[in-house]
Amino acid sequence: MAEFTAQVREAFDFHRLVFRIGELSSMTDVSARQLRYWEKKGLITSREREDGQQARVYTFKTFIKVSMMKYFLDAGYTLNGAAKQAQAREERVKYIHKFISTGMKGFAEIDGQMALNLGRFDDEQTLMAILPDEGEVHYKLLPNAEAQRVMAEIKA
């Protein structure tokens, strides 16, 4: 699992994704002038360029925040209200990220369906989330030894 996680992180290295102000503007439909104003008010931040040029660049995280703010502005929120809503969503995403990075222990196949190992439920059982092709996710407790066996089978 650690090797897979490392491969995914390398493939999706969002820290390397940066956008110039014009790119961010066209991707979000927020004018460059608005972006500069939002930055001046401290609602978003640009990143210093590594190549020494003066033009603003924005991270993927800022792209997401601008997109959320635009969504809330279009829904009728004030600029400050939209920024607060975006910040609240950003906080929730941190918890989701923490769960994915620490709570997921790997994948398995159970009864022909993909399953996520969500870790030990107690000293004797492991909680598995069964992900059917259609329908809702359901959960199954497996004895720890069985959970280890199904995890090993998918690695083979």
C-alpha atoms as a PDB file:
ATOM      1  CA  MET A   1       0.000   0.000   0.000  1.00  0.00           C
ATOM      2  CA  ALA A   2       2.836   2.387   0.813  1.00  0.00           C
ATOM      3  CA  GLU A   3       4.333   1.919  -2.652  1.00  0.00           C
ATOM      4  CA  PHE A   4       0.945   2.512  -4.292  1.00  0.00           C
ATOM      5  CA  THR A   5       0.385   5.628  -2.190  1.00  0.00           C
ATOM      6  CA  ALA A   6       3.802   6.967  -3.160  1.00  0.00           C
ATOM      7  CA  GLN A   7       3.052   6.344  -6.846  1.00  0.00           C
ATOM      8  CA  VAL A   8      -0.292   8.141  -6.612  1.00  0.00           C
ATOM      9  CA  ARG A   9       1.266  11.090  -4.787  1.00  0.00           C
ATOM     10  CA  GLU A  10       3.964  11.382  -7.439  1.00  0.00           C
ATOM     11  CA  ALA A  11       1.435  11.173 -10.274  1.00  0.00           C
ATOM     12  CA  PHE A  12      -0.818  13.776  -8.649  1.00  0.00           C
ATOM     13  CA  ASP A  13       1.725  16.197  -7.240  1.00  0.00           C
ATOM     14  CA  PHE A  14      -0.607  19.172  -7.008  1.00  0.00           C
ATOM     15  CA  HIS A  15       2.182  21.324  -5.571  1.00  0.00           C
ATOM     16  CA  ARG A  16       3.753  21.407  -9.026  1.00  0.00           C
ATOM     17  CA  LEU A  17       0.564  22.723 -10.613  1.00  0.00           C
ATOM     18  CA  VAL A  18       0.777  26.492 -10.828  1.00  0.00           C
ATOM     19  CA  PHE A  19      -1.189  28.913 -12.957  1.00  0.00           C
ATOM     20  CA  ARG A  20      -0.513  32.429 -14.135  1.00  0.00           C
ATOM     21  CA  ILE A  21      -3.189  34.989 -13.372  1.00  0.00           C
ATOM     22  CA  GLY A  22      -4.599  34.857 -16.913  1.00  0.00           C
ATOM     23  CA  GLU A  23      -4.858  31.077 -16.784  1.00  0.00           C
ATOM     24  CA  LEU A  24      -6.576  31.169 -13.407  1.00  0.00           C
ATOM     25  CA  SER A  25      -8.912  33.844 -14.683  1.00  0.00           C
ATOM     26  CA  SER A  26      -9.968  31.861 -17.746  1.00  0.00           C
ATOM     27  CA  MET A  27     -10.316  28.591 -15.779  1.00  0.00           C
ATOM     28  CA  THR A  28     -12.568  30.143 -13.125  1.00  0.00           C
ATOM     29  CA  ASP A  29     -14.305  32.919 -15.073  1.00  0.00           C
ATOM     30  CA  VAL A  30     -13.069  35.423 -12.491  1.00  0.00           C
ATOM     31  CA  SER A  31     -11.355  38.461 -14.005  1.00  0.00           C
ATOM     32  CA  ALA A  32      -7.674  39.132 -13.376  1.00  0.00           C
ATOM     33  CA  ARG A  33      -8.727  42.425 -11.830  1.00  0.00           C
ATOM     34  CA  GLN A  34     -10.991  40.613  -9.354  1.00  0.00           C
ATOM     35  CA  LEU A  35      -8.212  38.160  -8.516  1.00  0.00           C
ATOM     36  CA  ARG A  36      -5.817  41.021  -7.768  1.00  0.00           C
ATOM     37  CA  TYR A  37      -8.491  42.643  -5.561  1.00  0.00           C
ATOM     38  CA  TRP A  38      -9.138  39.384  -3.700  1.00  0.00           C
ATOM     39  CA  GLU A  39      -5.415  39.013  -3.153  1.00  0.00           C
ATOM     40  CA  LYS A  40      -5.120  42.597  -1.909  1.00  0.00           C
ATOM     41  CA  LYS A  41      -7.919  41.871   0.603  1.00  0.00           C
ATOM     42  CA  GLY A  42      -6.078  38.730   1.754  1.00  0.00           C
ATOM     43  CA  LEU A  43      -8.758  36.318   0.527  1.00  0.00           C
ATOM     44  CA  ILE A  44      -6.328  34.456  -1.751  1.00  0.00           C
ATOM     45  CA  THR A  45      -2.555  34.366  -2.078  1.00  0.00           C
ATOM     46  CA  SER A  46      -0.152  34.048  -4.969  1.00  0.00           C
ATOM     47  CA  ARG A  47       3.109  32.183  -4.800  1.00  0.00           C
ATOM     48  CA  GLU A  48       6.546  33.573  -5.538  1.00  0.00           C
ATOM     49  CA  ARG A  49       7.894  32.266  -8.777  1.00  0.00           C
ATOM     50  CA  GLU A  50      10.967  30.093  -8.707  1.00  0.00           C
ATOM     51  CA  ASP A  51      12.210  31.543 -11.988  1.00  0.00           C
ATOM     52  CA  GLY A  52      12.486  35.059 -10.560  1.00  0.00           C
ATOM     53  CA  GLN A  53       9.822  36.608 -12.786  1.00  0.00           C
ATOM     54  CA  GLN A  54       7.378  39.079 -11.282  1.00  0.00           C
ATOM     55  CA  ALA A  55       4.120  37.727 -12.739  1.00  0.00           C
ATOM     56  CA  ARG A  56       1.751  36.206 -10.192  1.00  0.00           C
ATOM     57  CA  VAL A  57       1.327  32.437 -10.072  1.00  0.00           C
ATOM     58  CA  TYR A  58      -1.317  30.594  -8.126  1.00  0.00           C
ATOM     59  CA  THR A  59      -1.347  27.075  -6.725  1.00  0.00           C
ATOM     60  CA  PHE A  60      -3.894  24.346  -7.358  1.00  0.00           C
ATOM     61  CA  LYS A  61      -5.201  24.954  -3.832  1.00  0.00           C
ATOM     62  CA  THR A  62      -5.871  28.598  -4.747  1.00  0.00           C
ATOM     63  CA  PHE A  63      -7.590  27.455  -7.958  1.00  0.00           C
ATOM     64  CA  ILE A  64      -9.974  25.348  -5.856  1.00  0.00           C
ATOM     65  CA  LYS A  65     -10.611  28.225  -3.442  1.00  0.00           C
ATOM     66  CA  VAL A  66     -11.298  30.705  -6.267  1.00  0.00           C
ATOM     67  CA  SER A  67     -13.650  28.187  -7.906  1.00  0.00           C
ATOM     68  CA  MET A  68     -15.566  27.751  -4.654  1.00  0.00           C
ATOM     69  CA  MET A  69     -15.740  31.498  -4.044  1.00  0.00           C
ATOM     70  CA  LYS A  70     -17.051  32.022  -7.577  1.00  0.00           C
ATOM     71  CA  TYR A  71     -19.695  29.349  -6.993  1.00  0.00           C
ATOM     72  CA  PHE A  72     -20.900  31.057  -3.810  1.00  0.00           C
ATOM     73  CA  LEU A  73     -20.817  34.518  -5.404  1.00  0.00           C
ATOM     74  CA  ASP A  74     -22.967  33.189  -8.255  1.00  0.00           C
ATOM     75  CA  ALA A  75     -25.332  31.758  -5.625  1.00  0.00           C
ATOM     76  CA  GLY A  76     -25.856  35.258  -4.188  1.00  0.00           C
ATOM     77  CA  TYR A  77     -23.328  35.459  -1.361  1.00  0.00           C
ATOM     78  CA  THR A  78     -21.340  38.628  -0.727  1.00  0.00           C
ATOM     79  CA  LEU A  79     -17.585  38.432  -1.321  1.00  0.00           C
ATOM     80  CA  ASN A  80     -16.882  38.002   2.395  1.00  0.00           C
ATOM     81  CA  GLY A  81     -19.690  35.441   2.708  1.00  0.00           C
ATOM     82  CA  ALA A  82     -18.359  33.509  -0.278  1.00  0.00           C
ATOM     83  CA  ALA A  83     -14.843  33.551   1.203  1.00  0.00           C
ATOM     84  CA  LYS A  84     -16.169  32.252   4.550  1.00  0.00           C
ATOM     85  CA  GLN A  85     -18.105  29.469   2.834  1.00  0.00           C
ATOM     86  CA  ALA A  86     -15.044  28.494   0.794  1.00  0.00           C
ATOM     87  CA  GLN A  87     -12.904  28.479   3.955  1.00  0.00           C
ATOM     88  CA  ALA A  88     -15.413  26.229   5.734  1.00  0.00           C
ATOM     89  CA  ARG A  89     -15.341  23.782   2.802  1.00  0.00           C
ATOM     90  CA  GLU A  90     -11.555  23.897   2.790  1.00  0.00           C
ATOM     91  CA  GLU A  91     -11.519  22.900   6.470  1.00  0.00           C
ATOM     92  CA  ARG A  92     -13.783  19.930   5.742  1.00  0.00           C
ATOM     93  CA  VAL A  93     -11.541  18.831   2.875  1.00  0.00           C
ATOM     94  CA  LYS A  94      -8.610  18.719   5.306  1.00  0.00           C
ATOM     95  CA  TYR A  95     -10.496  16.126   7.379  1.00  0.00           C
ATOM     96  CA  ILE A  96     -11.364  14.113   4.280  1.00  0.00           C
ATOM     97  CA  HIS A  97      -7.714  14.191   3.216  1.00  0.00           C
ATOM     98  CA  LYS A  98      -6.630  13.073   6.671  1.00  0.00           C
ATOM     99  CA  PHE A  99      -9.095  10.186   6.556  1.00  0.00           C
ATOM    100  CA  ILE A 100      -7.935   9.074   3.119  1.00  0.00           C
ATOM    101  CA  SER A 101      -4.245   9.351   3.946  1.00  0.00           C
ATOM    102  CA  THR A 102      -4.425   7.655   7.367  1.00  0.00           C
ATOM    103  CA  GLY A 103      -7.698   5.722   7.504  1.00  0.00           C
ATOM    104  CA  MET A 104      -7.574   3.746   4.279  1.00  0.00           C
ATOM    105  CA  LYS A 105      -5.383   0.690   4.619  1.00  0.00           C
ATOM    106  CA  GLY A 106      -5.718  -0.634   1.075  1.00  0.00           C
ATOM    107  CA  PHE A 107      -7.958  -2.422  -1.379  1.00  0.00           C
ATOM    108  CA  ALA A 108      -9.290  -5.955  -1.495  1.00  0.00           C
ATOM    109  CA  GLU A 109     -11.828  -8.024  -3.376  1.00  0.00           C
ATOM    110  CA  ILE A 110     -14.664  -9.550  -1.380  1.00  0.00           C
ATOM    111  CA  ASP A 111     -17.325 -11.691  -3.049  1.00  0.00           C
ATOM    112  CA  GLY A 112     -16.238 -10.339  -6.444  1.00  0.00           C
ATOM    113  CA  GLN A 113     -16.618  -6.707  -5.401  1.00  0.00           C
ATOM    114  CA  MET A 114     -14.027  -4.017  -4.699  1.00  0.00           C
ATOM    115  CA  ALA A 115     -13.580  -3.253  -1.022  1.00  0.00           C
ATOM    116  CA  LEU A 116     -11.658  -0.674   0.964  1.00  0.00           C
ATOM    117  CA  ASN A 117      -9.904  -1.735   4.131  1.00  0.00           C
ATOM    118  CA  LEU A 118     -10.803   0.915   6.694  1.00  0.00           C
ATOM    119  CA  GLY A 119      -8.612  -0.563   9.402  1.00  0.00           C
ATOM    120  CA  ARG A 120      -9.118  -2.440  12.614  1.00  0.00           C
ATOM    121  CA  PHE A 121     -12.554  -2.136  14.157  1.00  0.00           C
ATOM    122  CA  ASP A 122     -11.382  -3.722  17.390  1.00  0.00           C
ATOM    123  CA  ASP A 123      -8.712  -6.215  18.453  1.00  0.00           C
ATOM    124  CA  GLU A 124     -10.331  -9.039  16.476  1.00  0.00           C
ATOM    125  CA  GLN A 125     -12.048  -7.468  13.438  1.00  0.00           C
ATOM    126  CA  THR A 126     -11.313  -5.249  10.467  1.00  0.00           C
ATOM    127  CA  LEU A 127     -13.900  -2.921   8.908  1.00  0.00           C
ATOM    128  CA  MET A 128     -14.268  -3.251   5.153  1.00  0.00           C
ATOM    129  CA  ALA A 129     -16.332  -0.939   2.925  1.00  0.00           C
ATOM    130  CA  ILE A 130     -17.799  -2.928   0.023  1.00  0.00           C
ATOM    131  CA  LEU A 131     -18.128  -0.821  -3.132  1.00  0.00           C
ATOM    132  CA  PRO A 132     -20.647  -2.423  -5.520  1.00  0.00           C
ATOM    133  CA  ASP A 133     -20.680  -1.339  -9.156  1.00  0.00           C
ATOM    134  CA  GLU A 134     -24.190  -0.065  -8.545  1.00  0.00           C
ATOM    135  CA  GLY A 135     -26.033   0.795  -5.375  1.00  0.00           C
ATOM    136  CA  GLU A 136     -24.868   2.019  -2.020  1.00  0.00           C
ATOM    137  CA  VAL A 137     -21.694   1.191  -0.160  1.00  0.00           C
ATOM    138  CA  HIS A 138     -22.142  -1.349   2.607  1.00  0.00           C
ATOM    139  CA  TYR A 139     -19.822  -2.431   5.379  1.00  0.00           C
ATOM    140  CA  LYS A 140     -18.585  -5.774   6.566  1.00  0.00           C
ATOM    141  CA  LEU A 141     -16.573  -6.820   9.598  1.00  0.00           C
ATOM    142  CA  LEU A 142     -13.994  -9.495   8.866  1.00  0.00           C
ATOM    143  CA  PRO A 143     -11.820 -11.355  11.327  1.00  0.00           C
ATOM    144  CA  ASN A 144      -8.361  -9.741  11.184  1.00  0.00           C
ATOM    145  CA  ALA A 145      -6.770 -12.891   9.748  1.00  0.00           C
ATOM    146  CA  GLU A 146      -9.320 -13.032   6.921  1.00  0.00           C
ATOM    147  CA  ALA A 147      -8.850  -9.329   6.184  1.00  0.00           C
ATOM    148  CA  GLN A 148      -5.093  -9.873   5.903  1.00  0.00           C
ATOM    149  CA  ARG A 149      -5.699 -12.818   3.558  1.00  0.00           C
ATOM    150  CA  VAL A 150      -7.963 -10.881   1.166  1.00  0.00           C
ATOM    151  CA  MET A 151      -5.529  -7.965   1.214  1.00  0.00           C
ATOM    152  CA  ALA A 152      -2.660 -10.315   0.285  1.00  0.00           C
ATOM    153  CA  GLU A 153      -4.706 -11.842  -2.555  1.00  0.00           C
ATOM    154  CA  ILE A 154      -5.160  -8.505  -4.323  1.00  0.00           C
ATOM    155  CA  LYS A 155      -1.420  -7.754  -4.075  1.00  0.00           C
ATOM    156  CA  ALA A 156      -0.582 -11.019  -5.826  1.00  0.00           C
END
